[in-house]
């Protein structure tokens, strides 16, 4: 039996929603659902928050009906240990190495059903 490492419990920390028009999506999620814009990362990404829930809106060209448009990001304090755990549990790493992102490092992976997710380690403050 594989021992669980308590140092990297993986809560869902961010829900990414791919959108076709970032400004329209910001208006919808802020005016319609009460989210507050916390940051913009260039022209195509915005971070919104309400309570303990964080959304990332990311403008993607060429969205098609039926194509997955959300990604769960699982927060970790040890991204390499989390990567090993994903593989050991039957997942597949899309990124062989952590990639820099505006808030830290991220690794994309697929669960055993092929669903795309992220492992996210925030930079130390």
C-alpha atoms as a PDB file:
ATOM      1  CA  UNK A   1       0.000   0.000   0.000  1.00  0.00           C
ATOM      2  CA  UNK A   2       1.385   3.369  -1.024  1.00  0.00           C
ATOM      3  CA  UNK A   3       1.831   5.869   1.811  1.00  0.00           C
ATOM      4  CA  UNK A   4       0.039   9.184   1.356  1.00  0.00           C
ATOM      5  CA  UNK A   5       2.213  12.240   1.735  1.00  0.00           C
ATOM      6  CA  UNK A   6       0.453  14.751   3.963  1.00  0.00           C
ATOM      7  CA  UNK A   7       2.708  17.570   2.759  1.00  0.00           C
ATOM      8  CA  UNK A   8       0.836  18.019  -0.494  1.00  0.00           C
ATOM      9  CA  UNK A   9      -2.887  17.582   0.093  1.00  0.00           C
ATOM     10  CA  UNK A  10      -4.465  18.815  -3.105  1.00  0.00           C
ATOM     11  CA  UNK A  11      -7.423  21.149  -2.611  1.00  0.00           C
ATOM     12  CA  UNK A  12      -9.028  22.647  -5.712  1.00  0.00           C
ATOM     13  CA  UNK A  13      -7.711  26.195  -5.681  1.00  0.00           C
ATOM     14  CA  UNK A  14      -8.726  27.557  -9.091  1.00  0.00           C
ATOM     15  CA  UNK A  15     -11.399  26.838 -11.689  1.00  0.00           C
ATOM     16  CA  UNK A  16     -10.326  27.944 -15.190  1.00  0.00           C
ATOM     17  CA  UNK A  17     -13.072  28.717 -17.692  1.00  0.00           C
ATOM     18  CA  UNK A  18     -12.152  29.129 -21.355  1.00  0.00           C
ATOM     19  CA  UNK A  19     -14.150  31.913 -23.017  1.00  0.00           C
ATOM     20  CA  UNK A  20     -14.473  33.358 -26.518  1.00  0.00           C
ATOM     21  CA  UNK A  21     -14.678  37.030 -25.404  1.00  0.00           C
ATOM     22  CA  UNK A  22     -12.871  37.972 -22.186  1.00  0.00           C
ATOM     23  CA  UNK A  23     -14.533  41.364 -21.650  1.00  0.00           C
ATOM     24  CA  UNK A  24     -18.018  39.911 -22.142  1.00  0.00           C
ATOM     25  CA  UNK A  25     -17.195  37.044 -19.753  1.00  0.00           C
ATOM     26  CA  UNK A  26     -15.877  39.460 -17.112  1.00  0.00           C
ATOM     27  CA  UNK A  27     -19.121  41.458 -17.298  1.00  0.00           C
ATOM     28  CA  UNK A  28     -21.190  38.273 -16.964  1.00  0.00           C
ATOM     29  CA  UNK A  29     -19.293  36.811 -14.008  1.00  0.00           C
ATOM     30  CA  UNK A  30     -18.964  40.140 -12.179  1.00  0.00           C
ATOM     31  CA  UNK A  31     -22.330  41.788 -12.913  1.00  0.00           C
ATOM     32  CA  UNK A  32     -24.381  38.602 -13.148  1.00  0.00           C
ATOM     33  CA  UNK A  33     -22.766  36.360 -10.535  1.00  0.00           C
ATOM     34  CA  UNK A  34     -21.073  38.784  -8.145  1.00  0.00           C
ATOM     35  CA  UNK A  35     -17.409  37.935  -8.765  1.00  0.00           C
ATOM     36  CA  UNK A  36     -14.798  40.681  -8.316  1.00  0.00           C
ATOM     37  CA  UNK A  37     -11.932  41.140 -10.779  1.00  0.00           C
ATOM     38  CA  UNK A  38      -8.705  40.711  -8.797  1.00  0.00           C
ATOM     39  CA  UNK A  39      -6.093  40.773 -11.590  1.00  0.00           C
ATOM     40  CA  UNK A  40      -5.574  40.860 -15.346  1.00  0.00           C
ATOM     41  CA  UNK A  41      -2.671  38.946 -16.861  1.00  0.00           C
ATOM     42  CA  UNK A  42      -2.228  40.445 -20.295  1.00  0.00           C
ATOM     43  CA  UNK A  43      -5.113  40.796 -22.753  1.00  0.00           C
ATOM     44  CA  UNK A  44      -6.417  37.209 -22.504  1.00  0.00           C
ATOM     45  CA  UNK A  45      -6.535  36.196 -18.811  1.00  0.00           C
ATOM     46  CA  UNK A  46      -8.417  37.570 -15.798  1.00  0.00           C
ATOM     47  CA  UNK A  47      -8.626  36.389 -12.189  1.00  0.00           C
ATOM     48  CA  UNK A  48     -11.975  36.794 -10.426  1.00  0.00           C
ATOM     49  CA  UNK A  49     -12.891  35.941  -6.851  1.00  0.00           C
ATOM     50  CA  UNK A  50     -15.843  35.705  -4.499  1.00  0.00           C
ATOM     51  CA  UNK A  51     -15.409  34.353  -0.992  1.00  0.00           C
ATOM     52  CA  UNK A  52     -12.932  31.482  -1.175  1.00  0.00           C
ATOM     53  CA  UNK A  53     -13.670  30.684  -4.842  1.00  0.00           C
ATOM     54  CA  UNK A  54     -11.235  31.822  -7.543  1.00  0.00           C
ATOM     55  CA  UNK A  55     -12.028  31.770 -11.255  1.00  0.00           C
ATOM     56  CA  UNK A  56      -9.568  32.257 -14.087  1.00  0.00           C
ATOM     57  CA  UNK A  57     -11.186  33.394 -17.323  1.00  0.00           C
ATOM     58  CA  UNK A  58      -8.953  32.675 -20.309  1.00  0.00           C
ATOM     59  CA  UNK A  59      -9.832  33.830 -23.806  1.00  0.00           C
ATOM     60  CA  UNK A  60      -9.250  31.042 -26.334  1.00  0.00           C
ATOM     61  CA  UNK A  61      -9.767  31.358 -30.072  1.00  0.00           C
ATOM     62  CA  UNK A  62     -11.898  28.799 -31.862  1.00  0.00           C
ATOM     63  CA  UNK A  63     -13.993  27.326 -29.041  1.00  0.00           C
ATOM     64  CA  UNK A  64     -16.295  24.579 -30.294  1.00  0.00           C
ATOM     65  CA  UNK A  65     -19.449  23.152 -28.701  1.00  0.00           C
ATOM     66  CA  UNK A  66     -18.729  19.888 -26.927  1.00  0.00           C
ATOM     67  CA  UNK A  67     -15.052  20.662 -26.322  1.00  0.00           C
ATOM     68  CA  UNK A  68     -14.225  20.827 -22.578  1.00  0.00           C
ATOM     69  CA  UNK A  69     -14.069  24.452 -21.483  1.00  0.00           C
ATOM     70  CA  UNK A  70     -13.018  24.165 -17.830  1.00  0.00           C
ATOM     71  CA  UNK A  71      -9.909  23.004 -15.987  1.00  0.00           C
ATOM     72  CA  UNK A  72      -9.578  22.282 -12.257  1.00  0.00           C
ATOM     73  CA  UNK A  73      -6.290  23.401 -10.674  1.00  0.00           C
ATOM     74  CA  UNK A  74      -5.181  21.385  -7.656  1.00  0.00           C
ATOM     75  CA  UNK A  75      -2.978  23.330  -5.235  1.00  0.00           C
ATOM     76  CA  UNK A  76       0.207  21.712  -3.948  1.00  0.00           C
ATOM     77  CA  UNK A  77       3.193  22.771  -1.879  1.00  0.00           C
ATOM     78  CA  UNK A  78       5.435  20.128  -3.504  1.00  0.00           C
ATOM     79  CA  UNK A  79       4.764  19.961  -7.231  1.00  0.00           C
ATOM     80  CA  UNK A  80       7.300  17.211  -7.947  1.00  0.00           C
ATOM     81  CA  UNK A  81       5.814  14.916  -5.279  1.00  0.00           C
ATOM     82  CA  UNK A  82       2.333  15.657  -6.642  1.00  0.00           C
ATOM     83  CA  UNK A  83       3.539  14.800 -10.163  1.00  0.00           C
ATOM     84  CA  UNK A  84       4.804  11.414  -8.938  1.00  0.00           C
ATOM     85  CA  UNK A  85       1.518  10.799  -7.150  1.00  0.00           C
ATOM     86  CA  UNK A  86      -0.511  11.545 -10.303  1.00  0.00           C
ATOM     87  CA  UNK A  87       1.549   9.061 -12.324  1.00  0.00           C
ATOM     88  CA  UNK A  88       1.494   6.425  -9.559  1.00  0.00           C
ATOM     89  CA  UNK A  89      -2.319   6.671  -9.427  1.00  0.00           C
ATOM     90  CA  UNK A  90      -2.698   6.117 -13.184  1.00  0.00           C
ATOM     91  CA  UNK A  91      -2.723   9.709 -14.453  1.00  0.00           C
ATOM     92  CA  UNK A  92      -0.609  11.020 -17.334  1.00  0.00           C
ATOM     93  CA  UNK A  93       1.559  14.129 -17.216  1.00  0.00           C
ATOM     94  CA  UNK A  94       1.087  16.432 -20.209  1.00  0.00           C
ATOM     95  CA  UNK A  95       4.031  18.587 -19.096  1.00  0.00           C
ATOM     96  CA  UNK A  96       7.234  16.706 -18.247  1.00  0.00           C
ATOM     97  CA  UNK A  97       8.470  19.681 -16.206  1.00  0.00           C
ATOM     98  CA  UNK A  98       6.722  22.444 -14.223  1.00  0.00           C
ATOM     99  CA  UNK A  99       6.022  25.542 -16.334  1.00  0.00           C
ATOM    100  CA  UNK A 100       6.180  29.125 -15.046  1.00  0.00           C
ATOM    101  CA  UNK A 101       2.843  30.948 -14.841  1.00  0.00           C
ATOM    102  CA  UNK A 102       1.892  34.362 -13.403  1.00  0.00           C
ATOM    103  CA  UNK A 103       1.365  32.982  -9.872  1.00  0.00           C
ATOM    104  CA  UNK A 104       3.958  30.195  -9.615  1.00  0.00           C
ATOM    105  CA  UNK A 105       4.473  26.911 -11.473  1.00  0.00           C
ATOM    106  CA  UNK A 106       1.953  24.630 -13.151  1.00  0.00           C
ATOM    107  CA  UNK A 107       1.917  21.114 -14.602  1.00  0.00           C
ATOM    108  CA  UNK A 108      -0.902  19.927 -16.842  1.00  0.00           C
ATOM    109  CA  UNK A 109      -2.050  16.324 -16.444  1.00  0.00           C
ATOM    110  CA  UNK A 110      -4.851  13.997 -17.512  1.00  0.00           C
ATOM    111  CA  UNK A 111      -6.745  11.797 -15.097  1.00  0.00           C
ATOM    112  CA  UNK A 112      -7.353   8.124 -16.003  1.00  0.00           C
ATOM    113  CA  UNK A 113     -10.484   9.177 -17.946  1.00  0.00           C
ATOM    114  CA  UNK A 114      -8.487  11.650 -20.036  1.00  0.00           C
ATOM    115  CA  UNK A 115      -9.823  14.791 -18.326  1.00  0.00           C
ATOM    116  CA  UNK A 116      -7.282  17.642 -18.335  1.00  0.00           C
ATOM    117  CA  UNK A 117      -6.359  19.293 -14.999  1.00  0.00           C
ATOM    118  CA  UNK A 118      -3.515  21.337 -13.493  1.00  0.00           C
ATOM    119  CA  UNK A 119      -1.222  20.946 -10.520  1.00  0.00           C
ATOM    120  CA  UNK A 120      -0.443  24.460  -9.246  1.00  0.00           C
ATOM    121  CA  UNK A 121       2.212  25.535  -6.771  1.00  0.00           C
ATOM    122  CA  UNK A 122       1.992  29.193  -5.805  1.00  0.00           C
ATOM    123  CA  UNK A 123       5.215  31.163  -5.330  1.00  0.00           C
ATOM    124  CA  UNK A 124       6.158  31.792  -1.702  1.00  0.00           C
ATOM    125  CA  UNK A 125       5.013  35.224  -0.574  1.00  0.00           C
END
